[in-house]
Amino acid sequence: DLWLAIEINTGAKTKSGKPIGTGNPLLADPAIRNAINFGINRQELVTKVLDGDGVAGAAFLPQQYTDGWQPQAADKVTFDQAKANKILDDAGYVKGTNGYRTDPKSGKELSFRLGTHSDNAQDAQVAGYFVGWMKDIGIKINLVPMSFSLLNANLAKGDWDMLFDRWGPGPDPTYLLSTQTCATLPDDNGQNGNTDAFYCNPEFDKLFQLQSTQVDANARMQTIHKMLDILYTTGNDLILFYGNGLFGVRTDKTSNFMIGTADKDGNFPPQNVFLNWRSAEPAGGAGSSVNVGLI
């Protein structure tokens, strides 16, 4: 259930609204973010990077926790480079002889930094595909490998254009959703922040407060769905995929370990290792004396 996303810096600000950081202001244009989104082949990443052990991403929360959330039909993003190119053409970003586009107002090339975790091989794999896809739509990506600590330090200061980001959320989405609220922006001195992508939207904040007080699970989920709609269409966090959590159990010794029933894609509901062992029994039956164990 660990997801990988590309964060986009649309204009880092503090709680008081003071601009900070060195983000490229061109990324504030929704057309550019929209084109980037349509230019990503998420299913190819699942197939080639995860070897099929995952699901192409969409929601800010893994699918097991969203009760069937899907983007509105009019908002749904698919891999469509022709559409991505048209979006940029219509916005006036013309390709030069080198294949990269320029901003007609400033004359600057659409060239953006992508921070990657130098200590994570998966980042390098995904980045290789991403750079090529972006070149196909006229956007230059400059890879900036950083250690985990340096990347996080730059995130807090807003010194980035795009960053790879990972989260492994639990069943209660409150904490992860909180990283998209205005309250997590840093103070003017750059301290006391816990933001994910410097996102701040009063409408989102109201929904966040509402879901944190709702005790009816269905009502709360409907509120969360509205929050997911907002994040999906804003384009600050482009969710790439959800990787499956993998572990092994000796089925010749253990039965009834997994809880629930797999869906059509083979994904089980969220598992809890302590509850798994409560339901597990020796493969020979409850009366068997065979010990069970993880590989």
Protein backbone atom coordinates (compact mmCIF):
# COMPACT_ATOMS: atom_id res chain seq x y z
CA ASP A 1 0.00 0.00 0.00
CA LEU A 2 3.01 2.31 -0.31
CA TRP A 3 2.33 4.89 -2.99
CA LEU A 4 4.79 6.85 -5.11
CA ALA A 5 3.93 10.32 -6.36
CA ILE A 6 5.47 13.35 -8.02
CA GLU A 7 4.94 16.49 -5.99
CA ILE A 8 4.75 19.75 -7.90
CA ASN A 9 5.72 23.08 -6.36
CA THR A 10 3.06 25.50 -7.56
CA GLY A 11 4.38 28.32 -5.38
CA ALA A 12 5.65 27.58 -1.88
CA LYS A 13 4.33 29.95 0.79
CA THR A 14 4.35 30.26 4.56
CA LYS A 15 1.25 30.38 6.78
CA SER A 16 1.14 34.17 6.38
CA GLY A 17 1.30 33.91 2.58
CA LYS A 18 4.95 34.90 2.26
CA PRO A 19 6.54 33.30 -0.85
CA ILE A 20 9.59 31.15 -0.11
CA GLY A 21 11.89 28.83 -2.00
CA THR A 22 13.20 28.58 -5.51
CA GLY A 23 10.34 26.84 -7.30
CA ASN A 24 9.82 27.50 -11.01
CA PRO A 25 6.80 29.87 -11.28
CA LEU A 26 5.72 28.26 -14.56
CA LEU A 27 4.41 25.30 -12.57
CA ALA A 28 1.67 27.53 -11.18
CA ASP A 29 0.02 27.21 -14.61
CA PRO A 30 -2.61 24.43 -14.43
CA ALA A 31 -2.10 23.76 -18.15
CA ILE A 32 1.48 22.63 -17.57
CA ARG A 33 0.53 20.42 -14.63
CA ASN A 34 -2.38 18.98 -16.59
CA ALA A 35 -0.14 18.18 -19.55
CA ILE A 36 2.43 16.52 -17.28
CA ASN A 37 -0.35 14.40 -15.77
CA PHE A 38 -1.62 13.22 -19.17
CA GLY A 39 1.95 12.53 -20.26
CA ILE A 40 2.58 9.82 -17.64
CA ASN A 41 2.02 6.15 -18.46
CA ARG A 42 1.20 4.84 -15.00
CA GLN A 43 0.32 1.34 -16.13
CA GLU A 44 3.72 0.96 -17.78
CA LEU A 45 5.34 1.87 -14.47
CA VAL A 46 3.31 -0.81 -12.71
CA THR A 47 4.25 -3.37 -15.34
CA LYS A 48 7.93 -2.55 -15.74
CA VAL A 49 9.00 -1.04 -12.43
CA LEU A 50 6.79 -3.04 -10.05
CA ASP A 51 6.71 -6.14 -12.26
CA GLY A 52 2.93 -6.04 -11.96
CA ASP A 53 2.95 -6.00 -8.15
CA GLY A 54 0.83 -2.88 -7.74
CA VAL A 55 -1.96 -0.74 -9.13
CA ALA A 56 -1.80 2.45 -11.22
CA GLY A 57 -2.50 5.41 -8.97
CA ALA A 58 -5.16 8.08 -8.85
CA ALA A 59 -6.42 8.88 -5.34
CA PHE A 60 -4.23 10.44 -2.65
CA LEU A 61 -5.13 7.39 -0.53
CA PRO A 62 -4.64 3.73 -1.56
CA GLN A 63 -7.73 2.12 -3.04
CA GLN A 64 -8.27 -0.20 -0.07
CA TYR A 65 -9.10 2.85 2.06
CA THR A 66 -11.30 4.81 -0.34
CA ASP A 67 -14.43 2.63 -0.53
CA GLY A 68 -14.51 2.59 -4.33
CA TRP A 69 -13.60 6.23 -5.01
CA GLN A 70 -13.10 7.03 -8.67
CA PRO A 71 -12.44 10.40 -10.32
CA GLN A 72 -15.36 12.12 -12.00
CA ALA A 73 -15.59 11.09 -15.66
CA ALA A 74 -14.92 14.64 -16.84
CA ASP A 75 -11.78 14.85 -14.68
CA LYS A 76 -10.27 11.44 -15.34
CA VAL A 77 -6.66 11.48 -16.50
CA THR A 78 -5.32 8.74 -18.77
CA PHE A 79 -2.05 8.35 -20.64
CA ASP A 80 -2.59 10.52 -23.71
CA GLN A 81 0.45 12.32 -25.05
CA ALA A 82 -1.49 13.75 -28.00
CA LYS A 83 -3.79 15.44 -25.52
CA ALA A 84 -0.84 16.60 -23.42
CA ASN A 85 0.77 18.19 -26.46
CA LYS A 86 -2.49 19.86 -27.45
CA ILE A 87 -2.94 21.32 -23.96
CA LEU A 88 0.49 22.92 -24.19
CA ASP A 89 -0.05 24.05 -27.78
CA ASP A 90 -3.34 25.70 -26.84
CA ALA A 91 -1.66 27.41 -23.88
CA GLY A 92 0.89 28.99 -26.22
CA TYR A 93 3.97 26.97 -25.25
CA VAL A 94 5.67 26.48 -28.64
CA LYS A 95 8.24 23.77 -29.32
CA GLY A 96 11.66 24.94 -30.45
CA THR A 97 13.99 23.24 -32.90
CA ASN A 98 15.43 21.24 -29.99
CA GLY A 99 12.00 19.79 -29.23
CA TYR A 100 11.50 21.69 -25.97
CA ARG A 101 8.86 24.33 -25.40
CA THR A 102 9.28 27.90 -24.25
CA ASP A 103 7.08 30.29 -22.31
CA PRO A 104 5.91 33.02 -24.74
CA LYS A 105 5.90 35.66 -21.99
CA SER A 106 9.34 35.15 -20.47
CA GLY A 107 11.03 33.27 -23.30
CA LYS A 108 12.20 30.68 -20.75
CA GLU A 109 12.34 27.01 -21.60
CA LEU A 110 9.93 24.62 -19.90
CA SER A 111 12.75 23.07 -17.88
CA PHE A 112 12.13 21.73 -14.38
CA ARG A 113 14.17 20.06 -11.63
CA LEU A 114 13.03 16.67 -10.34
CA GLY A 115 14.41 15.72 -6.94
CA THR A 116 14.99 11.99 -6.55
CA HIS A 117 16.12 9.86 -3.61
CA SER A 118 19.68 8.86 -4.47
CA ASP A 119 19.41 5.97 -2.01
CA ASN A 120 16.33 4.46 -3.69
CA ALA A 121 16.78 2.49 -6.91
CA GLN A 122 13.08 2.72 -7.72
CA ASP A 123 13.31 6.50 -8.04
CA ALA A 124 15.98 6.13 -10.73
CA GLN A 125 13.86 3.60 -12.61
CA VAL A 126 10.73 5.74 -12.62
CA ALA A 127 12.70 8.89 -13.43
CA GLY A 128 14.13 7.24 -16.53
CA TYR A 129 10.65 6.73 -17.95
CA PHE A 130 9.40 10.12 -16.80
CA VAL A 131 12.21 12.07 -18.46
CA GLY A 132 11.45 10.41 -21.80
CA TRP A 133 7.70 10.96 -21.58
CA MET A 134 8.18 14.61 -20.74
CA LYS A 135 10.59 15.09 -23.65
CA ASP A 136 7.89 13.72 -25.94
CA ILE A 137 5.61 16.61 -24.93
CA GLY A 138 8.33 19.25 -25.00
CA ILE A 139 9.24 19.50 -21.31
CA LYS A 140 12.83 19.14 -20.12
CA ILE A 141 13.39 17.36 -16.80
CA ASN A 142 16.69 17.80 -14.97
CA LEU A 143 17.26 15.06 -12.42
CA VAL A 144 18.62 16.13 -9.03
CA PRO A 145 19.54 13.06 -6.94
CA MET A 146 19.61 13.79 -3.21
CA SER A 147 19.87 11.86 0.01
CA PHE A 148 16.65 11.26 1.91
CA SER A 149 17.53 13.91 4.50
CA LEU A 150 18.56 16.55 1.95
CA LEU A 151 15.45 16.01 -0.15
CA ASN A 152 13.24 16.46 2.91
CA ALA A 153 15.19 19.56 3.95
CA ASN A 154 14.72 21.09 0.50
CA LEU A 155 11.02 20.21 0.59
CA ALA A 156 10.54 22.21 3.79
CA LYS A 157 12.33 25.23 2.30
CA GLY A 158 10.50 25.09 -1.04
CA ASP A 159 13.81 24.74 -2.90
CA TRP A 160 12.49 22.43 -5.61
CA ASP A 161 10.29 22.22 -8.70
CA MET A 162 9.21 18.56 -8.45
CA LEU A 163 10.02 15.80 -5.98
CA PHE A 164 9.39 12.09 -5.65
CA ASP A 165 7.29 11.39 -2.58
CA ARG A 166 6.27 8.17 -0.79
CA TRP A 167 3.70 7.42 1.88
CA GLY A 168 2.53 4.24 3.52
CA PRO A 169 -0.74 5.34 5.18
CA GLY A 170 -2.72 3.42 7.75
CA PRO A 171 -6.47 2.78 7.79
CA ASP A 172 -7.24 6.17 9.37
CA PRO A 173 -6.48 8.80 6.69
CA THR A 174 -6.49 11.83 8.99
CA TYR A 175 -2.75 12.26 9.30
CA LEU A 176 -1.97 11.89 5.60
CA LEU A 177 -4.82 14.24 4.62
CA SER A 178 -3.57 16.75 7.20
CA THR A 179 -0.36 17.22 5.18
CA GLN A 180 -2.46 18.99 2.54
CA THR A 181 -3.97 21.55 4.93
CA CYS A 182 -2.99 25.19 5.42
CA ALA A 183 -2.09 24.49 9.05
CA THR A 184 0.95 22.47 7.97
CA LEU A 185 2.58 25.35 6.08
CA PRO A 186 5.77 26.63 7.77
CA ASP A 187 6.14 29.85 9.72
CA ASP A 188 7.85 32.81 8.06
CA ASN A 189 11.19 31.60 9.41
CA GLY A 190 10.71 28.31 7.55
CA GLN A 191 10.19 26.31 10.74
CA ASN A 192 7.28 24.29 12.21
CA GLY A 193 5.97 23.07 8.88
CA ASN A 194 4.79 19.59 7.93
CA THR A 195 3.41 20.23 4.47
CA ASP A 196 3.50 17.70 1.67
CA ALA A 197 3.41 20.05 -1.35
CA PHE A 198 2.64 23.52 0.08
CA TYR A 199 -1.03 23.02 -0.71
CA CYS A 200 -3.50 25.37 1.00
CA ASN A 201 -7.20 25.47 0.18
CA PRO A 202 -9.83 26.73 2.70
CA GLU A 203 -12.49 24.49 1.12
CA PHE A 204 -10.27 21.44 1.63
CA ASP A 205 -9.56 22.54 5.22
CA LYS A 206 -13.27 22.74 6.03
CA LEU A 207 -13.80 19.22 4.73
CA PHE A 208 -10.77 18.02 6.69
CA GLN A 209 -12.20 19.38 9.93
CA LEU A 210 -15.59 17.87 9.13
CA GLN A 211 -14.27 14.34 8.48
CA SER A 212 -12.30 14.42 11.73
CA THR A 213 -15.56 14.84 13.69
CA GLN A 214 -17.83 12.46 11.78
CA VAL A 215 -18.60 9.22 13.60
CA ASP A 216 -20.79 7.75 10.87
CA ALA A 217 -18.36 5.84 8.63
CA ASN A 218 -20.40 6.29 5.44
CA ALA A 219 -20.85 10.02 5.96
CA ARG A 220 -17.16 10.43 6.72
CA MET A 221 -16.20 8.51 3.59
CA GLN A 222 -18.37 10.78 1.45
CA THR A 223 -16.53 13.78 2.88
CA ILE A 224 -13.18 12.14 2.17
CA HIS A 225 -14.29 11.45 -1.40
CA LYS A 226 -14.84 15.20 -1.88
CA MET A 227 -11.33 15.83 -0.55
CA LEU A 228 -9.89 13.27 -2.95
CA ASP A 229 -11.72 14.97 -5.83
CA ILE A 230 -10.09 18.29 -4.93
CA LEU A 231 -6.58 16.86 -4.70
CA TYR A 232 -7.00 14.87 -7.91
CA THR A 233 -8.01 17.89 -9.98
CA THR A 234 -5.51 20.32 -8.44
CA GLY A 235 -2.44 18.49 -9.69
CA ASN A 236 -0.03 19.21 -6.84
CA ASP A 237 0.52 15.52 -6.12
CA LEU A 238 0.51 13.24 -9.14
CA ILE A 239 0.00 9.75 -7.71
CA LEU A 240 1.86 7.24 -9.88
CA PHE A 241 1.09 3.87 -8.33
CA TYR A 242 0.40 1.89 -5.17
CA GLY A 243 2.90 -0.88 -4.58
CA ASN A 244 1.66 -4.10 -3.01
CA GLY A 245 2.91 -4.90 0.48
CA LEU A 246 4.53 -8.32 0.10
CA PHE A 247 5.26 -10.99 2.68
CA GLY A 248 5.45 -14.75 2.57
CA VAL A 249 3.64 -17.48 4.51
CA ARG A 250 4.29 -21.21 4.15
CA THR A 251 0.97 -22.47 2.81
CA ASP A 252 2.05 -26.07 3.39
CA LYS A 253 1.99 -25.27 7.11
CA THR A 254 -0.48 -22.38 7.43
CA SER A 255 -4.05 -21.86 6.23
CA ASN A 256 -6.62 -19.07 6.67
CA PHE A 257 -3.88 -16.47 7.12
CA MET A 258 -5.26 -13.76 4.82
CA ILE A 259 -8.33 -11.86 6.03
CA GLY A 260 -11.14 -11.13 3.60
CA THR A 261 -11.48 -11.93 -0.09
CA ALA A 262 -9.28 -10.72 -2.93
CA ASP A 263 -10.87 -8.42 -5.52
CA LYS A 264 -10.77 -8.98 -9.29
CA ASP A 265 -7.18 -7.65 -9.40
CA GLY A 266 -6.04 -10.02 -6.65
CA ASN A 267 -5.80 -7.31 -3.98
CA PHE A 268 -6.85 -8.26 -0.46
CA PRO A 269 -8.39 -5.80 2.03
CA PRO A 270 -5.89 -4.10 4.38
CA GLN A 271 -4.20 -6.75 6.50
CA ASN A 272 -3.08 -6.68 10.12
CA VAL A 273 -0.45 -9.23 11.03
CA PHE A 274 -1.82 -9.72 14.56
CA LEU A 275 -5.34 -10.35 13.27
CA ASN A 276 -3.93 -12.54 10.51
CA TRP A 277 -2.42 -14.84 13.08
CA ARG A 278 -5.68 -14.93 15.07
CA SER A 279 -7.46 -16.34 12.02
CA ALA A 280 -4.60 -18.60 10.90
CA GLU A 281 -4.44 -22.28 11.73
CA PRO A 282 -2.16 -25.18 10.86
CA ALA A 283 -2.67 -26.47 7.34
CA GLY A 284 -3.76 -29.80 8.78
CA GLY A 285 -6.69 -28.18 10.59
CA ALA A 286 -7.34 -26.63 13.99
CA GLY A 287 -6.58 -29.89 15.76
CA SER A 288 -3.22 -30.32 14.10
CA SER A 289 -0.02 -29.93 16.10
CA VAL A 290 1.99 -28.56 13.16
CA ASN A 291 3.65 -25.23 13.99
CA VAL A 292 3.03 -22.24 11.73
CA GLY A 293 5.49 -19.55 10.76
CA LEU A 294 6.45 -16.82 8.37
CA ILE A 295 9.14 -17.47 5.82
